[in-house]
Amino acid sequence: MLPVGRSSRFLAGAALVGTLVTGYLQTASPSVSAAPNKPGDGVRAAATYDACGEVRTKVDGTPWTCTFADNFNGKSLDGGNWLVGETAFSGFTTGSTCFTARNVAVRWGMLRLTARDEGYPFTCRSPNGSFVTRYTGGHIGTRGRFTQTYGKFEIRARYPRTTAGVGIGYWLYPAKLTYGAWPASGEIDIAEWWSNVPNTTLPSLHYPGSNPSVDSGWGCTVATPTYFHTYGVEWSSTEMVFKIDGQECFRRSWTPAWPLVAPQPFDHPFEMVLNAGVDRTTGPNAVTAATVLPATYEVDYVKAWR
């Protein structure tokens, strides 16, 4: 996720890594079933389905295998899939946001991460140093539940109708800091969104030697960010292909700075992370009293394949 205070954010990210337990999702492979042909289908092959829905096919013709699927159909967040991030315990923060469990909800078949103005200044407790703010946000991740190296990752979501000041992200972060603190171990931003430029949903790669001018997909835009769209990446050992609604908008291979050699640092397990909060009180996307809050990031599903 691009910074709104990069140094403090990733000191917090490092604390999150040290605080929480890493691990993998231990489940059986989802079963695959065939759907009968509809009348008039003729010779069209029957579709097959697994936990992610209709089975999709890779460029080489082989099927993607579903490894993670959450459609948020329950009445609360599935603790087997997600860990709620709270600044008081993890130290994680972005911009002026204090992340709390109160800002995370599952309702009407959707995950809802909400950025709020609490209406008064308060002290946000953090193991990295408490701070005063008036803003809270929602943050979840698959740490200790699911990680994966390579594959396909996708979200279907819509962004809030608001004004400048809000920041939202869907990104992948290392399960372990294998090559060192950020950005040495890498980060994959699949769709990062700021409300001052609402039509841009920026994918980015962060690693030693990365350059925002070529490692970010500035052409990844949507005309209707407040409608539901799919945002995803297909990650291999040689390149990342980012897509919106199934259409490629950015493709990038990486050449890390010494002593790393490609495919490092994108060759080890990453977890999925989602967050919604506010930016800093200065800068082009500054949160102010005029920012329309609460602002809710609504997520229909999160899925992954291998």
Protein backbone atom coordinates (compact mmCIF):
# COMPACT_ATOMS: atom_id res chain seq x y z
CA MET A 1 0.00 0.00 0.00
CA LEU A 2 1.43 3.39 -0.97
CA PRO A 3 2.28 5.58 2.00
CA VAL A 4 0.39 8.28 3.78
CA GLY A 5 3.24 8.31 6.21
CA ARG A 6 5.28 5.39 4.85
CA SER A 7 7.87 5.13 7.59
CA SER A 8 5.39 5.04 10.47
CA ARG A 9 3.12 2.68 8.58
CA PHE A 10 5.76 0.09 7.98
CA LEU A 11 7.28 0.33 11.40
CA ALA A 12 3.73 -0.53 12.41
CA GLY A 13 3.63 -3.26 9.77
CA ALA A 14 6.83 -4.74 11.16
CA ALA A 15 5.30 -4.72 14.63
CA LEU A 16 2.26 -6.52 13.22
CA VAL A 17 4.51 -9.21 11.81
CA GLY A 18 6.28 -9.62 15.14
CA THR A 19 3.08 -9.57 17.15
CA LEU A 20 0.92 -12.05 15.31
CA VAL A 21 1.39 -15.71 14.50
CA THR A 22 1.97 -16.77 10.90
CA GLY A 23 0.50 -19.85 9.33
CA TYR A 24 -1.43 -21.44 6.51
CA LEU A 25 -5.05 -22.23 5.91
CA GLN A 26 -5.38 -25.94 6.64
CA THR A 27 -8.40 -27.12 4.72
CA ALA A 28 -9.18 -29.87 2.27
CA SER A 29 -9.19 -28.98 -1.40
CA PRO A 30 -12.64 -27.74 -2.43
CA SER A 31 -14.66 -30.33 -4.29
CA VAL A 32 -15.47 -29.87 -7.95
CA SER A 33 -18.87 -30.66 -9.40
CA ALA A 34 -20.35 -30.58 -12.87
CA ALA A 35 -23.48 -28.62 -13.72
CA PRO A 36 -25.90 -30.17 -16.21
CA ASN A 37 -26.24 -28.65 -19.64
CA LYS A 38 -29.18 -26.35 -20.12
CA PRO A 39 -31.76 -27.13 -22.80
CA GLY A 40 -30.49 -25.97 -26.14
CA ASP A 41 -26.84 -26.04 -25.07
CA GLY A 42 -26.04 -28.54 -27.80
CA VAL A 43 -22.45 -29.76 -27.49
CA ARG A 44 -21.31 -27.06 -25.07
CA ALA A 45 -19.37 -28.63 -22.22
CA ALA A 46 -20.98 -28.59 -18.80
CA ALA A 47 -19.52 -26.03 -16.41
CA THR A 48 -17.73 -27.20 -13.30
CA TYR A 49 -17.84 -25.49 -9.93
CA ASP A 50 -15.79 -25.41 -6.76
CA ALA A 51 -15.73 -23.24 -3.61
CA CYS A 52 -14.77 -20.20 -5.71
CA GLY A 53 -17.66 -20.67 -8.16
CA GLU A 54 -17.38 -21.66 -11.79
CA VAL A 55 -13.93 -23.11 -12.43
CA ARG A 56 -11.74 -20.71 -14.40
CA THR A 57 -9.04 -21.62 -16.91
CA LYS A 58 -5.45 -20.42 -17.09
CA VAL A 59 -3.82 -19.17 -20.28
CA ASP A 60 -2.31 -22.63 -20.83
CA GLY A 61 -5.76 -24.24 -20.67
CA THR A 62 -5.39 -25.86 -17.25
CA PRO A 63 -7.89 -24.99 -14.51
CA TRP A 64 -7.24 -22.67 -11.60
CA THR A 65 -7.62 -24.48 -8.26
CA CYS A 66 -9.55 -22.61 -5.58
CA THR A 67 -7.52 -22.15 -2.38
CA PHE A 68 -9.52 -19.47 -0.52
CA ALA A 69 -13.08 -18.18 -0.79
CA ASP A 70 -15.09 -15.94 1.50
CA ASN A 71 -18.46 -14.65 0.30
CA PHE A 72 -19.30 -13.05 3.66
CA ASN A 73 -22.67 -14.80 3.85
CA GLY A 74 -22.67 -15.22 7.62
CA LYS A 75 -23.69 -12.82 10.35
CA SER A 76 -20.14 -12.12 11.50
CA LEU A 77 -16.58 -12.25 10.22
CA ASP A 78 -15.25 -15.80 9.85
CA GLY A 79 -12.42 -16.07 12.35
CA GLY A 80 -11.09 -19.09 10.52
CA ASN A 81 -10.33 -16.86 7.55
CA TRP A 82 -9.57 -13.46 9.05
CA LEU A 83 -7.91 -11.72 11.95
CA VAL A 84 -9.24 -8.26 12.85
CA GLY A 85 -6.41 -5.75 13.15
CA GLU A 86 -6.59 -3.29 16.03
CA THR A 87 -3.98 -0.56 16.47
CA ALA A 88 -4.05 -1.08 20.26
CA PHE A 89 -2.60 -4.57 19.83
CA SER A 90 -0.75 -4.61 16.49
CA GLY A 91 0.50 -1.03 16.30
CA PHE A 92 -0.66 -0.91 12.67
CA THR A 93 -1.92 2.44 11.46
CA THR A 94 -2.22 4.46 8.26
CA GLY A 95 -2.55 8.22 8.03
CA SER A 96 -4.58 9.49 10.99
CA THR A 97 -6.45 6.20 11.51
CA CYS A 98 -6.87 4.26 14.72
CA PHE A 99 -8.04 0.79 13.67
CA THR A 100 -10.67 -0.82 15.89
CA ALA A 101 -12.86 -3.93 15.77
CA ARG A 102 -15.97 -1.71 15.90
CA ASN A 103 -15.29 -0.61 12.33
CA VAL A 104 -15.46 -4.16 10.93
CA ALA A 105 -18.83 -5.79 10.21
CA VAL A 106 -20.46 -8.44 8.05
CA ARG A 107 -23.97 -7.49 7.00
CA TRP A 108 -26.33 -8.22 4.07
CA GLY A 109 -23.85 -10.66 2.54
CA MET A 110 -20.98 -8.16 2.53
CA LEU A 111 -17.91 -7.24 4.49
CA ARG A 112 -18.11 -3.60 5.61
CA LEU A 113 -14.96 -1.71 6.63
CA THR A 114 -15.83 1.79 7.78
CA ALA A 115 -13.80 4.96 8.29
CA ARG A 116 -15.36 7.24 10.93
CA ASP A 117 -14.95 10.64 12.50
CA GLU A 118 -15.63 10.00 16.19
CA GLY A 119 -16.48 13.67 16.68
CA TYR A 120 -13.83 14.42 19.28
CA PRO A 121 -10.08 13.87 19.77
CA PHE A 122 -9.08 10.72 21.66
CA THR A 123 -5.87 8.86 22.44
CA CYS A 124 -5.29 5.86 20.18
CA ARG A 125 -3.32 3.32 22.15
CA SER A 126 -0.48 1.63 20.29
CA PRO A 127 2.53 -0.48 21.26
CA ASN A 128 4.53 1.73 18.88
CA GLY A 129 3.50 4.90 20.71
CA SER A 130 0.03 6.27 21.41
CA PHE A 131 -1.24 9.25 19.42
CA VAL A 132 -4.19 11.62 19.41
CA THR A 133 -6.72 11.44 16.58
CA ARG A 134 -10.46 11.64 16.01
CA TYR A 135 -10.62 9.04 13.24
CA THR A 136 -11.12 5.27 13.30
CA GLY A 137 -11.08 2.63 10.59
CA GLY A 138 -11.41 -1.08 9.79
CA HIS A 139 -8.59 -3.52 9.05
CA ILE A 140 -8.51 -7.31 8.56
CA GLY A 141 -5.96 -9.83 7.28
CA THR A 142 -5.43 -13.54 6.79
CA ARG A 143 -2.37 -13.70 9.06
CA GLY A 144 -2.22 -17.06 10.78
CA ARG A 145 -5.08 -18.29 8.55
CA PHE A 146 -3.98 -18.23 4.92
CA THR A 147 -0.85 -17.41 2.95
CA GLN A 148 0.22 -18.30 -0.58
CA THR A 149 3.13 -17.94 -2.98
CA TYR A 150 2.06 -17.24 -6.58
CA GLY A 151 -1.45 -17.67 -7.93
CA LYS A 152 -4.52 -15.58 -8.60
CA PHE A 153 -6.09 -13.22 -6.04
CA GLU A 154 -9.35 -11.31 -6.53
CA ILE A 155 -11.84 -9.10 -4.73
CA ARG A 156 -15.27 -7.81 -5.74
CA ALA A 157 -15.92 -4.51 -4.04
CA ARG A 158 -17.17 -0.98 -4.28
CA TYR A 159 -15.78 2.25 -2.87
CA PRO A 160 -17.72 4.84 -0.87
CA ARG A 161 -19.19 8.01 -2.30
CA THR A 162 -17.21 10.56 -0.33
CA THR A 163 -14.80 13.48 -0.60
CA ALA A 164 -11.02 13.80 -0.21
CA GLY A 165 -9.53 12.28 2.93
CA VAL A 166 -10.27 8.52 2.72
CA GLY A 167 -7.77 5.74 1.92
CA ILE A 168 -8.64 2.11 1.14
CA GLY A 169 -6.54 -0.89 0.17
CA TYR A 170 -6.54 -4.55 -0.88
CA TRP A 171 -2.97 -5.81 -0.77
CA LEU A 172 -0.60 -8.71 -0.10
CA TYR A 173 2.04 -8.52 2.61
CA PRO A 174 4.79 -11.03 3.53
CA ALA A 175 3.88 -13.65 6.10
CA LYS A 176 7.49 -13.37 7.29
CA LEU A 177 10.08 -10.67 6.63
CA THR A 178 12.27 -13.20 4.83
CA TYR A 179 14.58 -10.61 3.28
CA GLY A 180 14.28 -7.92 5.93
CA ALA A 181 12.06 -4.99 6.87
CA TRP A 182 9.95 -3.16 4.30
CA PRO A 183 10.47 -2.94 1.37
CA ALA A 184 13.14 -5.68 1.38
CA SER A 185 10.60 -8.53 1.65
CA GLY A 186 8.19 -7.00 -0.88
CA GLU A 187 4.59 -5.83 -0.97
CA ILE A 188 1.92 -6.27 -3.65
CA ASP A 189 -0.82 -3.64 -3.80
CA ILE A 190 -3.68 -5.04 -5.87
CA ALA A 191 -6.08 -2.10 -5.62
CA GLU A 192 -5.25 1.00 -3.59
CA TRP A 193 -7.74 3.85 -3.61
CA TRP A 194 -7.74 7.48 -2.46
CA SER A 195 -10.92 9.50 -2.44
CA ASN A 196 -9.30 12.62 -3.93
CA VAL A 197 -8.69 10.64 -7.17
CA PRO A 198 -11.66 8.27 -7.01
CA ASN A 199 -11.40 6.81 -10.51
CA THR A 200 -7.89 5.42 -9.94
CA THR A 201 -7.48 1.99 -8.30
CA LEU A 202 -3.72 1.75 -8.17
CA PRO A 203 -1.78 -1.53 -8.24
CA SER A 204 1.88 -1.28 -7.18
CA LEU A 205 4.93 -3.40 -6.43
CA HIS A 206 7.23 -2.39 -3.59
CA TYR A 207 10.67 -3.98 -3.32
CA PRO A 208 14.34 -2.89 -3.11
CA GLY A 209 14.99 -0.80 -6.19
CA SER A 210 11.33 -0.25 -7.11
CA ASN A 211 10.32 2.91 -8.94
CA PRO A 212 6.74 4.26 -8.59
CA SER A 213 6.77 5.57 -12.16
CA VAL A 214 7.12 2.06 -13.62
CA ASP A 215 6.12 -0.22 -10.74
CA SER A 216 2.61 1.26 -10.36
CA GLY A 217 -0.30 0.86 -12.78
CA TRP A 218 -1.35 4.46 -13.24
CA GLY A 219 -3.65 3.44 -16.09
CA CYS A 220 -5.81 1.21 -13.87
CA THR A 221 -9.01 3.24 -13.60
CA VAL A 222 -12.77 2.72 -13.37
CA ALA A 223 -15.47 5.18 -14.40
CA THR A 224 -17.84 4.06 -11.63
CA PRO A 225 -15.87 3.26 -8.44
CA THR A 226 -19.05 3.33 -6.34
CA TYR A 227 -20.36 0.34 -8.34
CA PHE A 228 -19.13 -3.21 -7.74
CA HIS A 229 -16.07 -4.21 -9.77
CA THR A 230 -13.53 -7.03 -9.54
CA TYR A 231 -9.89 -6.21 -8.86
CA GLY A 232 -7.22 -8.88 -9.09
CA VAL A 233 -3.68 -10.03 -9.83
CA GLU A 234 -2.19 -13.10 -11.42
CA TRP A 235 1.21 -13.58 -9.78
CA SER A 236 3.90 -15.85 -11.23
CA SER A 237 7.63 -16.17 -10.65
CA THR A 238 8.34 -13.80 -13.55
CA GLU A 239 5.57 -11.17 -13.61
CA MET A 240 2.41 -9.71 -12.11
CA VAL A 241 -0.67 -9.17 -14.27
CA PHE A 242 -3.26 -6.84 -12.72
CA LYS A 243 -6.87 -6.85 -13.92
CA ILE A 244 -10.10 -4.92 -13.40
CA ASP A 245 -13.30 -6.78 -14.30
CA GLY A 246 -11.16 -9.44 -15.96
CA GLN A 247 -9.39 -6.97 -18.26
CA GLU A 248 -5.65 -6.44 -17.94
CA CYS A 249 -4.68 -2.89 -16.97
CA PHE A 250 -1.06 -3.32 -15.84
CA ARG A 251 1.70 -5.91 -16.27
CA ARG A 252 5.07 -5.77 -14.57
CA SER A 253 8.21 -7.86 -14.10
CA TRP A 254 10.72 -6.80 -11.47
CA THR A 255 14.48 -6.58 -11.13
CA PRO A 256 15.36 -6.08 -7.48
CA ALA A 257 18.44 -4.27 -6.27
CA TRP A 258 21.45 -6.28 -5.09
CA PRO A 259 21.78 -8.55 -3.17
CA LEU A 260 18.34 -9.83 -4.22
CA VAL A 261 17.89 -11.66 -7.50
CA ALA A 262 14.51 -12.17 -9.22
CA PRO A 263 12.11 -13.72 -8.42
CA GLN A 264 13.11 -12.42 -4.97
CA PRO A 265 11.47 -10.90 -2.99
CA PHE A 266 8.23 -12.19 -4.56
CA ASP A 267 9.04 -15.87 -4.05
CA HIS A 268 7.71 -16.53 -0.54
CA PRO A 269 4.26 -16.67 1.12
CA PHE A 270 2.15 -13.52 1.36
CA GLU A 271 -1.08 -12.89 3.27
CA MET A 272 -4.11 -10.87 2.13
CA VAL A 273 -4.94 -7.56 3.83
CA LEU A 274 -7.89 -5.15 3.54
CA ASN A 275 -8.23 -1.77 5.22
CA ALA A 276 -10.33 1.38 5.15
CA GLY A 277 -9.34 4.53 7.01
CA VAL A 278 -8.36 8.15 6.51
CA ASP A 279 -5.26 9.90 5.25
CA ARG A 280 -3.07 12.40 7.09
CA THR A 281 -4.25 15.89 7.97
CA THR A 282 -1.93 17.42 5.34
CA GLY A 283 -1.28 16.68 1.69
CA PRO A 284 -3.42 16.28 -1.45
CA ASN A 285 -5.76 13.76 0.18
CA ALA A 286 -5.86 15.39 3.62
CA VAL A 287 -8.69 14.42 5.93
CA THR A 288 -10.54 17.47 7.21
CA ALA A 289 -13.79 18.40 8.89
CA ALA A 290 -15.25 18.58 5.37
CA THR A 291 -14.50 14.92 4.58
CA VAL A 292 -17.77 13.02 4.22
CA LEU A 293 -17.73 10.35 6.94
CA PRO A 294 -18.58 7.64 7.74
CA ALA A 295 -17.27 6.08 4.53
CA THR A 296 -17.71 2.32 4.05
CA TYR A 297 -15.74 -0.04 1.81
CA GLU A 298 -18.14 -2.85 0.83
CA VAL A 299 -16.70 -6.21 -0.22
CA ASP A 300 -18.82 -8.91 -1.85
CA TYR A 301 -16.11 -11.59 -1.89
CA VAL A 302 -12.40 -12.33 -1.58
CA LYS A 303 -10.98 -15.35 -3.45
CA ALA A 304 -7.67 -16.95 -4.32
CA TRP A 305 -6.56 -19.72 -6.67
CA ARG A 306 -3.39 -21.66 -7.36
